[in-house]
Amino acid sequence: MTRFIDLSVTTTDTPSEATPVKVDLLDHRAAAAVLGLRPEDFPGGMAISNETVTLTTHTGTHMDAPLHYGPESGGRPAKSIDQVPLDWCHGPGVRLDLRHVPAGAGITEAHLTAALAAAGHDLAPGDLVLLWTGADALWGSADYLTDYPGLTGEGTAFLVERGVRVIGIDAWGLDRPMRSMVDDYRRTGDRAHLWPAHLYGRSREYLQLEKLANLGDLPAATGFTVSCFPVSLAGAGAGWTRVVAML
């Protein structure tokens, strides 16, 4: 029997989102008029409902496509989310335990190699790597936006150069918190502090999964399959994604 573990957050208006989520409901009774009918024309006086949702492509659990990082990747036009190969979005998962890395700090190659050793796993092309920081425990609060570690540029290169196409994290973003990066840039004037994991995607294409959840529910670091097909939005840099682990 296959067991499914949902690795996604529920898309909702919450302090954990940097931008608001607005849902306008057309309820069952009001919908009758939109259809040119009366409520009493339907059994129970209720037609069929609808919702109009206003949000960004980076709201909730989502996948970043190469186009999000820049117009080109590796000297070629960067793929939009509707151009992402589906075979990149399904494969063996690897959970790396990085809960010891402090909030605001960078997840380095050394952190990754230690986590891989602890997992007893050698990376293989097509692995989907999930960074377990524990930050999803803050989901629902404003601290979720600021209190998590993020992947460094060297860490990103380490994974992608070993054939990893998808890197996920159970935090608001894959890079360090925005405030940490901007503060370091203003202090040093070094642009390398600004979104290094994202901007690495201008050199080699890869996909990010942000705002994962429930990585602690996985029984082990390996031995599961991840499915993460994004919604196909024409020309967009990201798409909402229901990420599921299958055991």
Protein backbone atom coordinates (compact mmCIF):
# COMPACT_ATOMS: atom_id res chain seq x y z
CA MET A 1 0.00 0.00 0.00
CA THR A 2 1.26 3.47 -0.90
CA ARG A 3 1.31 6.11 1.83
CA PHE A 4 0.99 9.77 0.83
CA ILE A 5 2.45 12.66 2.88
CA ASP A 6 1.42 16.20 1.97
CA LEU A 7 4.49 18.44 1.96
CA SER A 8 2.54 21.61 1.13
CA VAL A 9 1.08 24.42 3.21
CA THR A 10 -2.55 25.44 2.79
CA THR A 11 -2.82 28.61 0.71
CA THR A 12 -4.53 31.18 2.91
CA ASP A 13 -4.27 34.78 4.06
CA THR A 14 -1.79 34.65 6.95
CA PRO A 15 0.97 36.75 8.56
CA SER A 16 3.38 34.18 7.10
CA GLU A 17 2.74 35.51 3.60
CA ALA A 18 4.52 38.67 2.48
CA THR A 19 1.57 39.60 0.25
CA PRO A 20 -2.16 39.30 0.99
CA VAL A 21 -4.41 36.52 -0.25
CA LYS A 22 -7.93 37.64 -1.12
CA VAL A 23 -10.79 35.23 -1.73
CA ASP A 24 -14.13 36.59 -2.96
CA LEU A 25 -16.84 33.96 -2.57
CA LEU A 26 -19.84 33.61 -4.81
CA ASP A 27 -22.00 31.48 -2.56
CA HIS A 28 -24.56 28.88 -3.58
CA ARG A 29 -27.59 31.15 -3.32
CA ALA A 30 -26.06 34.21 -5.00
CA ALA A 31 -24.70 32.10 -7.84
CA ALA A 32 -28.18 31.42 -9.15
CA ALA A 33 -28.55 35.04 -10.31
CA VAL A 34 -25.21 34.87 -12.17
CA LEU A 35 -26.63 31.93 -14.07
CA GLY A 36 -29.78 33.89 -14.91
CA LEU A 37 -31.90 31.81 -12.55
CA ARG A 38 -33.43 32.01 -9.10
CA PRO A 39 -32.27 30.08 -5.99
CA GLU A 40 -35.61 28.27 -5.90
CA ASP A 41 -34.87 26.87 -9.36
CA PHE A 42 -32.29 24.58 -7.70
CA PRO A 43 -32.80 21.78 -5.17
CA GLY A 44 -32.53 23.21 -1.68
CA GLY A 45 -32.45 26.73 -3.11
CA MET A 46 -28.74 26.41 -3.87
CA ALA A 47 -26.88 26.63 -7.17
CA ILE A 48 -23.13 25.98 -7.56
CA SER A 49 -20.55 28.22 -5.91
CA ASN A 50 -17.38 29.88 -7.20
CA GLU A 51 -14.40 31.80 -5.83
CA THR A 52 -12.26 34.59 -7.24
CA VAL A 53 -8.76 34.48 -5.75
CA THR A 54 -6.15 37.26 -5.83
CA LEU A 55 -2.59 36.21 -4.98
CA THR A 56 0.94 36.07 -6.41
CA THR A 57 2.56 33.10 -8.10
CA HIS A 58 4.89 32.88 -5.08
CA THR A 59 2.07 32.54 -2.56
CA GLY A 60 1.74 29.23 -0.75
CA THR A 61 3.82 26.21 -1.68
CA HIS A 62 5.13 26.89 -5.16
CA MET A 63 7.84 26.11 -7.69
CA ASP A 64 10.24 28.75 -9.02
CA ALA A 65 11.16 28.27 -12.66
CA PRO A 66 14.48 29.45 -14.18
CA LEU A 67 12.72 32.52 -15.61
CA HIS A 68 12.27 33.79 -12.05
CA TYR A 69 16.05 34.06 -11.61
CA GLY A 70 16.70 35.97 -14.83
CA PRO A 71 15.88 36.08 -18.56
CA GLU A 72 18.63 33.59 -19.42
CA SER A 73 20.05 30.43 -17.87
CA GLY A 74 23.34 29.07 -19.17
CA GLY A 75 23.23 31.48 -22.09
CA ARG A 76 19.81 30.30 -23.28
CA PRO A 77 16.32 31.73 -22.74
CA ALA A 78 15.22 30.74 -19.25
CA LYS A 79 12.30 28.33 -18.99
CA SER A 80 8.99 29.67 -17.69
CA ILE A 81 6.91 27.49 -15.40
CA ASP A 82 4.81 26.11 -18.27
CA GLN A 83 8.03 24.99 -19.99
CA VAL A 84 9.39 22.99 -17.06
CA PRO A 85 9.93 19.34 -18.11
CA LEU A 86 7.52 17.17 -16.18
CA ASP A 87 10.10 14.43 -15.69
CA TRP A 88 12.07 16.86 -13.49
CA CYS A 89 9.09 17.01 -11.13
CA HIS A 90 8.84 13.36 -10.11
CA GLY A 91 11.58 11.22 -8.66
CA PRO A 92 13.47 9.98 -5.60
CA GLY A 93 13.42 12.35 -2.65
CA VAL A 94 16.30 13.08 -0.28
CA ARG A 95 15.63 14.91 2.98
CA LEU A 96 18.65 16.64 4.47
CA ASP A 97 18.46 17.49 8.17
CA LEU A 98 19.70 21.07 8.60
CA ARG A 99 17.71 22.00 11.68
CA HIS A 100 20.90 22.87 13.53
CA VAL A 101 21.77 25.74 11.15
CA PRO A 102 20.80 29.02 12.89
CA ALA A 103 18.14 31.35 11.54
CA GLY A 104 19.66 33.92 9.20
CA ALA A 105 22.73 31.79 8.52
CA GLY A 106 23.78 30.28 5.21
CA ILE A 107 23.54 26.56 4.45
CA THR A 108 26.98 25.76 3.04
CA GLU A 109 28.48 22.90 1.08
CA ALA A 110 29.95 21.63 4.35
CA HIS A 111 26.49 21.52 5.91
CA LEU A 112 25.16 19.60 2.91
CA THR A 113 27.97 17.05 2.80
CA ALA A 114 27.57 16.40 6.54
CA ALA A 115 23.81 15.97 6.14
CA LEU A 116 24.31 13.58 3.23
CA ALA A 117 26.77 11.55 5.27
CA ALA A 118 24.29 11.40 8.15
CA ALA A 119 21.63 10.24 5.69
CA GLY A 120 23.99 7.62 4.25
CA HIS A 121 23.25 8.82 0.74
CA ASP A 122 25.29 9.72 -2.33
CA LEU A 123 23.53 12.18 -4.62
CA ALA A 124 22.42 10.88 -7.99
CA PRO A 125 21.11 12.78 -11.04
CA GLY A 126 17.38 13.29 -10.72
CA ASP A 127 17.30 13.34 -6.91
CA LEU A 128 14.86 15.88 -5.50
CA VAL A 129 16.58 17.39 -2.45
CA LEU A 130 14.44 18.73 0.41
CA LEU A 131 16.15 20.96 2.99
CA TRP A 132 14.68 20.32 6.45
CA THR A 133 15.15 23.43 8.58
CA GLY A 134 12.11 23.08 10.84
CA ALA A 135 10.96 26.58 9.87
CA ASP A 136 7.49 25.32 8.95
CA ALA A 137 6.76 25.21 12.70
CA LEU A 138 6.47 29.01 12.42
CA TRP A 139 3.82 28.88 9.69
CA GLY A 140 0.96 31.17 10.68
CA SER A 141 3.18 33.78 12.34
CA ALA A 142 5.16 36.75 11.00
CA ASP A 143 8.35 35.09 12.30
CA TYR A 144 8.05 32.65 9.39
CA LEU A 145 9.17 35.48 7.09
CA THR A 146 12.44 36.10 8.92
CA ASP A 147 13.54 33.20 11.13
CA TYR A 148 15.13 30.53 8.95
CA PRO A 149 18.48 29.66 7.35
CA GLY A 150 18.91 29.79 3.58
CA LEU A 151 20.98 28.06 0.96
CA THR A 152 24.22 29.71 -0.15
CA GLY A 153 25.38 30.05 -3.74
CA GLU A 154 28.09 27.45 -3.19
CA GLY A 155 25.55 25.10 -1.65
CA THR A 156 23.29 25.52 -4.66
CA ALA A 157 26.17 24.82 -7.05
CA PHE A 158 27.15 21.73 -5.05
CA LEU A 159 23.68 20.21 -5.52
CA VAL A 160 22.95 21.26 -9.10
CA GLU A 161 26.37 20.20 -10.40
CA ARG A 162 25.58 16.68 -9.15
CA GLY A 163 22.46 16.44 -11.25
CA VAL A 164 19.86 17.77 -8.81
CA ARG A 165 17.13 19.58 -10.76
CA VAL A 166 14.80 20.37 -7.85
CA ILE A 167 15.78 21.86 -4.47
CA GLY A 168 13.06 22.42 -1.88
CA ILE A 169 12.98 24.06 1.54
CA ASP A 170 10.42 24.19 4.37
CA ALA A 171 10.86 27.96 4.74
CA TRP A 172 9.63 31.17 3.14
CA GLY A 173 12.47 31.21 0.62
CA LEU A 174 15.48 29.21 -0.50
CA ASP A 175 17.94 32.05 0.07
CA ARG A 176 18.55 33.54 3.50
CA PRO A 177 15.89 35.92 4.82
CA MET A 178 15.65 39.13 2.83
CA ARG A 179 16.61 41.30 5.79
CA SER A 180 19.80 39.29 6.42
CA MET A 181 20.91 39.54 2.79
CA VAL A 182 20.16 43.24 2.41
CA ASP A 183 21.80 44.13 5.73
CA ASP A 184 24.98 42.30 4.73
CA TYR A 185 24.98 43.97 1.32
CA ARG A 186 24.59 47.45 2.80
CA ARG A 187 27.31 46.74 5.36
CA THR A 188 29.84 45.44 2.84
CA GLY A 189 28.74 46.70 -0.56
CA ASP A 190 29.24 43.14 -1.84
CA ARG A 191 26.44 42.15 -4.25
CA ALA A 192 27.27 38.48 -3.71
CA HIS A 193 25.11 38.65 -0.58
CA LEU A 194 21.96 39.28 -2.65
CA TRP A 195 19.95 36.15 -3.53
CA PRO A 196 22.98 33.95 -4.40
CA ALA A 197 20.95 30.72 -4.59
CA HIS A 198 18.41 32.25 -6.94
CA LEU A 199 21.00 33.98 -9.11
CA TYR A 200 23.02 30.78 -9.50
CA GLY A 201 20.11 29.69 -11.70
CA ARG A 202 21.34 32.15 -14.32
CA SER A 203 24.35 29.87 -14.81
CA ARG A 204 22.66 26.46 -14.65
CA GLU A 205 18.94 25.83 -14.65
CA TYR A 206 17.22 24.25 -11.69
CA LEU A 207 13.89 24.51 -9.89
CA GLN A 208 13.08 25.64 -6.36
CA LEU A 209 10.26 24.49 -4.12
CA GLU A 210 9.52 27.02 -1.41
CA LYS A 211 7.20 26.85 1.61
CA LEU A 212 7.27 23.10 2.04
CA ALA A 213 5.88 21.56 5.21
CA ASN A 214 5.79 18.33 7.20
CA LEU A 215 9.27 17.12 6.29
CA GLY A 216 9.46 15.76 9.82
CA ASP A 217 6.64 13.33 8.96
CA LEU A 218 8.90 11.48 6.55
CA PRO A 219 10.11 8.32 8.30
CA ALA A 220 13.63 8.51 6.86
CA ALA A 221 15.96 10.65 4.78
CA THR A 222 15.43 8.50 1.69
CA GLY A 223 13.14 5.75 0.46
CA PHE A 224 10.32 7.94 -0.83
CA THR A 225 9.25 9.49 -4.13
CA VAL A 226 8.37 13.16 -4.55
CA SER A 227 5.74 14.46 -6.96
CA CYS A 228 5.70 18.24 -7.49
CA PHE A 229 3.93 19.22 -10.70
CA PRO A 230 3.35 22.99 -10.92
CA VAL A 231 0.27 24.69 -12.33
CA SER A 232 1.02 25.60 -15.95
CA LEU A 233 0.83 29.40 -16.15
CA ALA A 234 1.88 30.68 -19.57
CA GLY A 235 5.05 32.76 -19.38
CA ALA A 236 5.17 32.87 -15.56
CA GLY A 237 8.27 32.58 -13.38
CA ALA A 238 6.56 30.41 -10.77
CA GLY A 239 3.49 28.27 -10.23
CA TRP A 240 1.51 26.89 -7.30
CA THR A 241 2.46 23.30 -6.55
CA ARG A 242 0.98 20.49 -4.48
CA VAL A 243 4.07 18.64 -3.28
CA VAL A 244 3.48 15.07 -2.14
CA ALA A 245 5.81 12.35 -0.86
CA MET A 246 4.90 8.75 -1.64
CA LEU A 247 6.16 5.82 0.39
